[in-house]
Protein backbone atom coordinates (compact mmCIF):
# COMPACT_ATOMS: atom_id res chain seq x y z
CA MET A 1 173.76 37.13 -335.50
CA LEU A 2 170.38 38.99 -334.84
CA GLN A 3 168.08 40.10 -337.85
CA ALA A 4 167.15 43.57 -338.73
CA TYR A 5 163.69 42.54 -338.33
CA ALA A 6 164.42 40.42 -335.24
CA CYS A 7 163.78 41.68 -331.52
CA ASP A 8 166.46 43.35 -329.70
CA PRO A 9 166.90 43.58 -326.02
CA ARG A 10 169.04 46.69 -326.57
CA HIS A 11 166.11 48.55 -327.72
CA SER A 12 163.27 46.56 -326.06
CA ARG A 13 160.18 48.79 -325.31
CA GLY A 14 160.90 47.85 -321.23
CA ARG A 15 159.24 46.87 -318.69
CA ARG A 16 156.02 48.51 -316.63
CA TYR A 17 158.21 48.86 -313.26
CA PRO A 18 161.35 50.22 -315.01
CA GLN A 19 164.62 48.42 -313.27
CA ASP A 20 168.31 48.79 -313.68
CA PRO A 21 169.97 46.54 -316.21
CA ALA A 22 171.23 43.09 -315.01
CA PRO A 23 175.43 42.19 -315.77
CA THR A 24 175.37 39.17 -316.73
CA ARG A 25 172.34 38.71 -318.88
CA ASP A 26 169.93 40.84 -321.55
CA GLU A 27 166.69 41.56 -320.72
CA PHE A 28 165.21 38.78 -322.25
CA GLN A 29 167.14 36.12 -320.44
CA ARG A 30 166.27 37.93 -317.25
CA ASP A 31 162.42 37.26 -318.59
CA ARG A 32 162.83 33.70 -319.03
CA ASP A 33 164.89 32.97 -315.94
CA ARG A 34 161.65 34.85 -314.36
CA ILE A 35 159.53 32.54 -316.34
CA VAL A 36 161.01 29.35 -315.56
CA HIS A 37 161.15 30.25 -311.57
CA CYS A 38 158.11 31.31 -311.44
CA THR A 39 155.40 29.42 -309.15
CA ALA A 40 152.90 29.42 -312.08
CA PHE A 41 155.58 27.67 -313.86
CA ARG A 42 156.07 24.43 -311.69
CA ARG A 43 152.32 23.63 -311.88
CA LEU A 44 152.25 23.51 -315.32
CA VAL A 45 153.80 19.87 -314.34
CA TYR A 46 150.98 18.39 -312.81
CA LYS A 47 148.14 20.59 -315.32
CA THR A 48 146.62 18.49 -318.43
CA GLN A 49 147.58 18.46 -321.75
CA VAL A 50 144.58 15.89 -323.51
CA PHE A 51 144.89 12.86 -320.64
CA LEU A 52 144.15 14.14 -316.94
CA ASN A 53 147.79 14.05 -315.32
CA HIS A 54 146.23 10.57 -313.38
CA GLU A 55 145.95 8.80 -316.05
CA GLY A 56 149.30 7.93 -316.78
CA ASP A 57 152.52 9.35 -316.16
CA LEU A 58 154.50 9.02 -319.70
CA PHE A 59 151.71 11.44 -321.61
CA ARG A 60 152.28 15.33 -322.09
CA THR A 61 151.55 17.89 -319.22
CA ARG A 62 151.66 21.40 -319.52
CA LEU A 63 155.03 21.45 -318.49
CA THR A 64 156.29 18.71 -321.28
CA HIS A 65 154.21 20.74 -323.85
CA SER A 66 155.75 24.05 -323.33
CA LEU A 67 159.22 22.39 -323.18
CA GLU A 68 158.58 20.89 -326.41
CA VAL A 69 157.50 24.48 -327.58
CA ALA A 70 160.30 26.13 -326.58
CA GLN A 71 162.73 24.11 -328.37
CA LEU A 72 161.42 23.85 -331.88
CA GLY A 73 161.18 27.64 -331.41
CA ARG A 74 164.78 27.77 -329.85
CA SER A 75 165.74 25.99 -333.45
CA ILE A 76 163.60 27.56 -335.54
CA ALA A 77 164.89 31.08 -334.10
CA ARG A 78 168.39 30.29 -334.56
CA GLU A 79 168.39 29.80 -338.43
CA LEU A 80 165.71 32.56 -339.37
CA GLY A 81 168.00 34.97 -337.28
CA LEU A 82 165.41 36.02 -334.71
CA ASN A 83 166.19 36.51 -331.23
CA GLU A 84 165.98 32.58 -329.24
CA ASP A 85 165.46 34.04 -326.05
CA LEU A 86 163.04 36.10 -326.32
CA VAL A 87 161.21 32.98 -328.03
CA GLU A 88 162.03 30.38 -325.25
CA ALA A 89 160.21 33.29 -323.01
CA ILE A 90 157.26 33.53 -324.87
CA ALA A 91 157.06 29.12 -325.20
CA LEU A 92 157.94 28.60 -321.75
CA ALA A 93 155.44 31.08 -320.55
CA HIS A 94 151.99 30.83 -322.96
CA ASP A 95 150.31 28.28 -320.79
CA LEU A 96 151.05 29.64 -317.31
CA GLY A 97 147.09 30.75 -317.12
CA HIS A 98 145.63 27.28 -318.42
CA THR A 99 142.92 25.98 -315.56
CA PRO A 100 143.27 22.26 -314.87
CA PHE A 101 141.49 19.97 -316.64
CA GLY A 102 142.81 21.50 -319.96
CA HIS A 103 140.31 23.50 -322.45
CA ALA A 104 137.45 21.03 -320.38
CA GLY A 105 138.18 23.34 -317.07
CA GLN A 106 139.11 26.75 -319.01
CA ASP A 107 135.27 26.58 -320.58
CA GLN A 108 133.68 25.68 -317.62
CA LEU A 109 134.97 28.41 -316.06
CA ASN A 110 134.05 30.57 -317.83
CA GLU A 111 130.81 29.84 -318.64
CA CYS A 112 130.67 30.13 -314.44
CA LEU A 113 132.05 33.33 -314.73
CA ARG A 114 129.16 34.09 -317.15
CA ALA A 115 126.79 32.97 -315.15
CA ALA A 116 127.98 35.15 -312.17
CA HIS A 117 128.93 38.50 -314.10
CA PRO A 118 126.80 39.01 -317.82
CA PRO A 119 127.69 40.07 -319.97
CA HIS A 120 131.56 41.22 -319.31
CA ALA A 121 132.54 38.64 -317.17
CA GLY A 122 134.63 35.37 -318.72
CA PHE A 123 137.49 33.29 -318.72
CA GLU A 124 139.83 32.71 -321.27
CA HIS A 125 143.52 30.93 -320.77
CA ASN A 126 145.66 33.67 -322.87
CA LEU A 127 144.58 36.83 -321.06
CA GLN A 128 145.16 34.73 -317.72
CA SER A 129 148.21 33.92 -318.76
CA LEU A 130 149.18 37.72 -319.35
CA ARG A 131 147.08 37.75 -316.11
CA VAL A 132 149.85 35.60 -314.29
CA VAL A 133 152.68 37.43 -315.48
CA ASP A 134 151.56 40.84 -314.59
CA THR A 135 149.47 40.92 -311.53
CA LEU A 136 149.26 36.90 -309.28
CA GLU A 137 152.75 36.20 -309.39
CA GLU A 138 153.99 37.84 -305.96
CA ARG A 139 157.80 37.79 -306.10
CA TYR A 140 159.14 41.20 -305.66
CA PRO A 141 158.75 43.48 -302.68
CA ASP A 142 157.64 46.54 -304.72
CA HIS A 143 155.24 45.25 -307.17
CA ASP A 144 153.06 42.75 -308.69
CA GLY A 145 153.56 40.30 -311.38
CA LEU A 146 156.95 39.53 -312.94
CA ASN A 147 157.49 42.89 -314.35
CA LEU A 148 158.21 40.94 -318.29
CA CYS A 149 159.59 43.79 -321.15
CA PHE A 150 156.63 44.57 -323.34
CA GLU A 151 157.65 42.23 -326.40
CA THR A 152 157.34 39.13 -324.16
CA ARG A 153 154.10 40.00 -322.62
CA GLU A 154 152.90 40.89 -326.13
CA GLY A 155 153.96 37.52 -327.11
CA ILE A 156 151.98 35.62 -324.69
CA LEU A 157 148.29 37.33 -325.65
CA LYS A 158 148.23 35.24 -328.68
CA HIS A 159 144.38 35.85 -328.58
CA CYS A 160 142.11 38.48 -327.84
CA SER A 161 138.68 40.11 -328.59
CA ARG A 162 138.58 44.07 -329.28
CA ARG A 163 135.99 44.51 -325.98
CA ARG A 164 139.13 42.77 -323.67
CA ALA A 165 142.06 44.56 -325.87
CA GLU A 166 139.95 47.73 -325.25
CA GLN A 167 139.80 47.31 -321.18
CA LEU A 168 143.56 46.85 -321.73
CA LEU A 169 144.22 49.45 -323.30
CA LYS A 170 142.36 51.36 -320.90
CA ARG A 171 144.33 49.96 -318.18
CA GLU A 172 147.97 50.87 -320.46
CA PRO A 173 147.55 53.23 -322.90
CA GLY A 174 150.24 52.16 -326.12
CA GLY A 175 150.03 48.41 -324.43
CA VAL A 176 149.56 44.76 -325.34
CA GLY A 177 145.82 45.28 -326.21
CA LEU A 178 146.93 47.83 -328.52
CA ARG A 179 147.44 45.27 -332.12
CA PHE A 180 144.45 43.54 -331.55
CA VAL A 181 142.48 47.07 -331.97
CA ASN A 182 144.38 48.71 -334.84
CA GLY A 183 144.90 45.61 -336.62
CA THR A 184 148.56 45.11 -336.62
CA GLN A 185 150.98 42.01 -335.82
CA PRO A 186 153.62 41.18 -332.88
CA SER A 187 157.13 40.50 -333.70
CA LEU A 188 157.98 38.02 -335.11
CA GLU A 189 159.05 35.82 -332.67
CA ALA A 190 155.50 36.01 -331.24
CA GLN A 191 154.35 34.90 -334.77
CA LEU A 192 157.23 31.93 -334.16
CA CYS A 193 155.57 30.72 -330.70
CA ASN A 194 152.33 30.66 -332.26
CA LEU A 195 153.55 27.75 -334.72
CA ALA A 196 156.16 26.37 -332.80
CA ASP A 197 152.95 25.55 -330.87
CA GLU A 198 151.05 24.16 -333.13
CA ILE A 199 153.86 21.55 -334.31
CA ALA A 200 154.19 20.35 -330.89
CA TYR A 201 150.70 19.83 -330.08
CA ASN A 202 149.84 17.86 -333.31
CA ALA A 203 153.00 15.59 -332.98
CA HIS A 204 152.99 14.70 -329.24
CA ASP A 205 149.00 14.18 -329.74
CA ILE A 206 149.57 11.81 -331.76
CA ASP A 207 152.10 9.67 -329.62
CA ASP A 208 149.99 10.27 -326.70
CA GLY A 209 146.67 9.11 -328.40
CA VAL A 210 148.60 5.83 -329.60
CA ARG A 211 150.07 5.47 -326.63
CA SER A 212 146.87 5.39 -324.80
CA GLY A 213 144.99 2.72 -327.09
CA LEU A 214 143.16 5.72 -328.30
CA LEU A 215 144.07 5.83 -332.14
CA THR A 216 146.02 2.89 -333.60
CA LEU A 217 148.39 3.62 -336.80
CA GLN A 218 146.04 2.77 -339.34
CA GLN A 219 143.59 4.63 -338.44
CA LEU A 220 146.50 7.48 -339.42
CA ASP A 221 146.52 5.94 -342.77
CA GLY A 222 144.72 8.38 -344.59
CA VAL A 223 146.33 11.12 -342.57
CA VAL A 224 148.57 12.39 -345.55
CA LEU A 225 151.33 14.08 -343.58
CA PHE A 226 152.04 10.99 -340.60
CA ALA A 227 151.24 8.27 -343.62
CA SER A 228 154.08 9.70 -345.84
CA CYS A 229 156.23 9.96 -343.04
CA ARG A 230 155.51 6.45 -341.81
CA ASP A 231 155.91 5.42 -345.55
CA GLU A 232 159.79 6.78 -345.63
CA ALA A 233 160.53 5.54 -342.26
CA LEU A 234 159.35 1.70 -343.55
CA ALA A 235 161.21 2.43 -346.93
CA GLU A 236 164.47 2.82 -344.93
CA PHE A 237 163.58 -0.15 -342.26
CA PRO A 238 161.33 -2.42 -343.00
CA ARG A 239 161.57 -4.62 -340.21
CA LEU A 240 160.71 -1.71 -338.02
CA GLY A 241 156.77 -1.71 -335.79
CA GLY A 242 155.57 -0.76 -333.06
CA ARG A 243 156.52 2.15 -330.69
CA ARG A 244 160.00 2.68 -333.04
CA LEU A 245 157.82 3.25 -336.03
CA LEU A 246 156.03 5.84 -334.16
CA PHE A 247 158.73 7.78 -332.76
CA ASP A 248 160.73 7.61 -336.24
CA ALA A 249 156.90 8.95 -338.49
CA ILE A 250 156.73 11.48 -335.59
CA ARG A 251 160.55 12.63 -335.73
CA ARG A 252 160.25 13.33 -339.19
CA MET A 253 156.90 14.47 -339.72
CA LEU A 254 158.45 16.99 -336.99
CA SER A 255 161.53 17.60 -339.25
CA TYR A 256 159.22 18.22 -342.15
CA GLN A 257 156.97 21.22 -340.80
CA VAL A 258 160.01 22.75 -339.25
CA HIS A 259 161.94 22.75 -342.79
CA ASP A 260 159.15 24.16 -344.46
CA LEU A 261 157.97 26.66 -341.71
CA ILE A 262 162.02 27.53 -342.35
CA ALA A 263 161.73 28.27 -346.51
CA ALA A 264 158.31 29.49 -346.51
CA THR A 265 158.91 32.32 -343.79
CA ARG A 266 162.43 33.00 -345.57
CA ALA A 267 160.66 33.47 -348.77
CA ALA A 268 157.83 35.70 -346.90
CA LEU A 269 160.97 37.88 -345.26
CA GLU A 270 162.56 38.48 -348.52
CA ALA A 271 159.75 39.88 -350.33
CA ALA A 272 158.54 42.26 -347.64
CA ALA A 273 161.84 42.81 -346.54
CA PRO A 274 161.28 44.15 -343.10
CA ALA A 275 163.88 46.32 -341.87
CA SER A 276 163.06 46.87 -338.10
CA PRO A 277 160.71 44.78 -335.75
CA GLN A 278 158.74 47.73 -335.88
CA ALA A 279 158.15 47.69 -340.16
CA VAL A 280 156.89 43.94 -339.23
CA ARG A 281 153.42 44.60 -337.19
CA ALA A 282 152.84 46.62 -340.14
CA LEU A 283 152.50 43.92 -342.87
CA PRO A 284 150.63 40.75 -342.88
CA PRO A 285 151.23 37.42 -341.04
CA LEU A 286 155.23 36.73 -341.94
CA VAL A 287 155.93 33.33 -340.36
CA ARG A 288 154.02 30.88 -342.14
CA PHE A 289 153.34 27.39 -343.72
CA SER A 290 153.65 26.87 -347.32
CA SER A 291 149.91 26.56 -348.52
CA ALA A 292 151.00 22.36 -348.97
CA MET A 293 151.59 22.00 -345.39
CA GLN A 294 148.90 24.26 -344.46
CA ALA A 295 146.48 22.00 -345.32
CA GLN A 296 148.46 18.86 -344.74
CA ASN A 297 148.57 20.57 -340.60
CA ALA A 298 144.37 20.94 -341.66
CA GLN A 299 143.69 17.61 -341.83
CA LEU A 300 145.97 16.42 -339.32
CA LYS A 301 143.82 18.92 -336.67
CA GLY A 302 141.02 17.22 -338.64
CA PHE A 303 141.75 14.09 -337.97
CA LEU A 304 142.69 14.89 -334.43
CA LEU A 305 139.64 16.59 -333.33
CA ARG A 306 137.29 13.82 -334.58
CA GLN A 307 139.44 10.50 -333.04
CA LEU A 308 140.74 11.70 -330.28
CA TYR A 309 139.34 15.09 -328.60
CA ARG A 310 136.05 14.18 -329.47
CA HIS A 311 136.70 10.22 -328.57
CA PRO A 312 134.04 9.25 -325.97
CA GLN A 313 136.69 8.68 -323.51
CA VAL A 314 138.27 11.62 -323.33
CA VAL A 315 134.67 13.26 -323.84
CA GLU A 316 133.37 11.28 -320.48
CA THR A 317 136.55 12.22 -318.80
CA THR A 318 136.08 15.69 -319.83
CA ASN A 319 132.50 15.77 -318.87
CA ARG A 320 133.74 14.52 -314.74
CA ALA A 321 135.96 17.17 -315.33
CA ARG A 322 134.24 20.30 -316.22
CA GLN A 323 131.60 18.86 -313.09
CA VAL A 324 134.90 19.36 -310.63
CA VAL A 325 134.74 22.58 -311.72
CA ALA A 326 131.50 24.02 -311.87
CA ASP A 327 130.87 22.47 -307.83
CA LEU A 328 134.52 24.22 -306.81
CA TYR A 329 133.01 27.26 -307.99
CA ALA A 330 129.49 26.74 -306.84
CA VAL A 331 131.36 26.10 -303.23
CA TYR A 332 133.36 28.54 -303.05
CA SER A 333 131.03 31.58 -304.03
CA ALA A 334 128.86 30.35 -301.48
CA GLU A 335 130.94 29.69 -298.44
CA PRO A 336 133.21 31.69 -298.72
CA ALA A 337 134.85 30.50 -295.79
CA SER A 338 136.14 27.75 -297.28
CA LEU A 339 138.53 29.73 -299.38
CA PRO A 340 142.00 30.95 -298.13
CA GLN A 341 141.86 33.77 -296.36
CA THR A 342 143.79 36.25 -299.34
CA VAL A 343 141.02 34.96 -301.68
CA ALA A 344 137.97 35.55 -299.55
CA ARG A 345 139.01 38.67 -298.90
CA HIS A 346 139.30 39.99 -302.16
CA ALA A 347 137.57 43.02 -303.63
CA ARG A 348 136.35 41.08 -306.63
CA PRO A 349 135.68 37.57 -305.28
CA HIS A 350 134.60 36.17 -308.17
CA ARG A 351 137.50 36.70 -310.32
CA ALA A 352 139.47 35.80 -307.24
CA ILE A 353 137.67 32.38 -307.63
CA ALA A 354 138.51 31.88 -310.94
CA ASP A 355 142.07 33.12 -310.37
CA TYR A 356 142.15 30.49 -307.63
CA ILE A 357 140.66 27.79 -309.23
CA ALA A 358 142.43 28.41 -312.57
CA GLY A 359 145.67 28.21 -310.82
CA MET A 360 144.96 24.38 -309.21
CA THR A 361 146.57 21.58 -310.79
CA ASP A 362 144.63 18.27 -311.68
CA ARG A 363 145.67 16.57 -308.56
CA PHE A 364 144.68 19.46 -306.44
CA ALA A 365 141.69 20.65 -307.47
CA LEU A 366 140.54 16.41 -307.22
CA ARG A 367 141.40 17.10 -303.40
CA GLU A 368 139.60 20.10 -303.19
CA HIS A 369 136.79 18.61 -304.72
CA GLN A 370 136.59 15.31 -302.49
CA ARG A 371 137.33 17.53 -299.45
CA LEU A 372 134.43 20.00 -300.19
CA THR A 373 132.10 17.72 -301.67
CA GLY A 374 132.68 14.16 -300.51
CA GLU A 375 132.22 12.58 -303.72
CA THR A 376 135.14 10.91 -305.52
CA LEU A 377 134.15 11.56 -309.83
CA PHE A 378 137.57 10.23 -310.69
CA PRO A 379 138.40 6.71 -308.59
């Protein structure tokens, strides 16, 4: 039931290494399955979303976040006539390149690489996710990476600077870096995953923030999107309180965002009338919220930034996490013998060290740090 503007696996731009079709699955289904079975996907279960893995068993991890994005993405794709399997593949792979300790680990690793090789080095998790599926996974006898379809790889690369895109194009002319140079858009499925990601983390960060005790329901009074949903829940269930009230408010909030996105995107598609996936690329972004919902989302993100992500307790944990990554990079750079032989022998040692650290889970990074430094930064 795909619409004309949806990506059709029969017309995929293909893989970097040609392969015969599978007898029981289309090309995007194969991509999804390869991602689910890869090593980097399993590691996401022990990688930080906001709260470190050791801080509690019920907080979101990169794995549970990816699953939530995939669920939201598939539901929306079904309503819009987009390719659900492609959406799911992109959603499940979009965080494969994240470091341990979330954005704190990414920012610190970026600083380490820039200091080692200015001005052309650096680390960014979207590029690293592409690097994981293109190069770092070792599952096949005759090529590196997972050999995913162009459309899946394009969706994974959510952001990219022009300089980095030009570097990608040198290695892959006409490839996934092209749209960042010529100013075109990715597929509708990729656009959808970007917003499903936003919907998911805004909702679950409220849940985790309240669960942690760093946020209260009273603080959320001024957040229009949440407060209106909470008030609706109380109007229907006046005696509701505690976690049931929180869950019901978040459920309503998710529904409003999803329904708004579907309605606004349908209107944009009807106005633009793209006749093919290629026509989509020449148009402005078509998967969107209404202006009113966009404003409410912006207010919510601003609240979470101030009250949760910059909370003193989160910042203190973030600073220690950054120290772990900085110490690991310094020790590995000064003492290559402390690395696995396959990493130590790499032709580009600093990039290999970054790949090694980025692939770590939170708990493995902490164990390595204690082994190499004798320090325990997280008792």
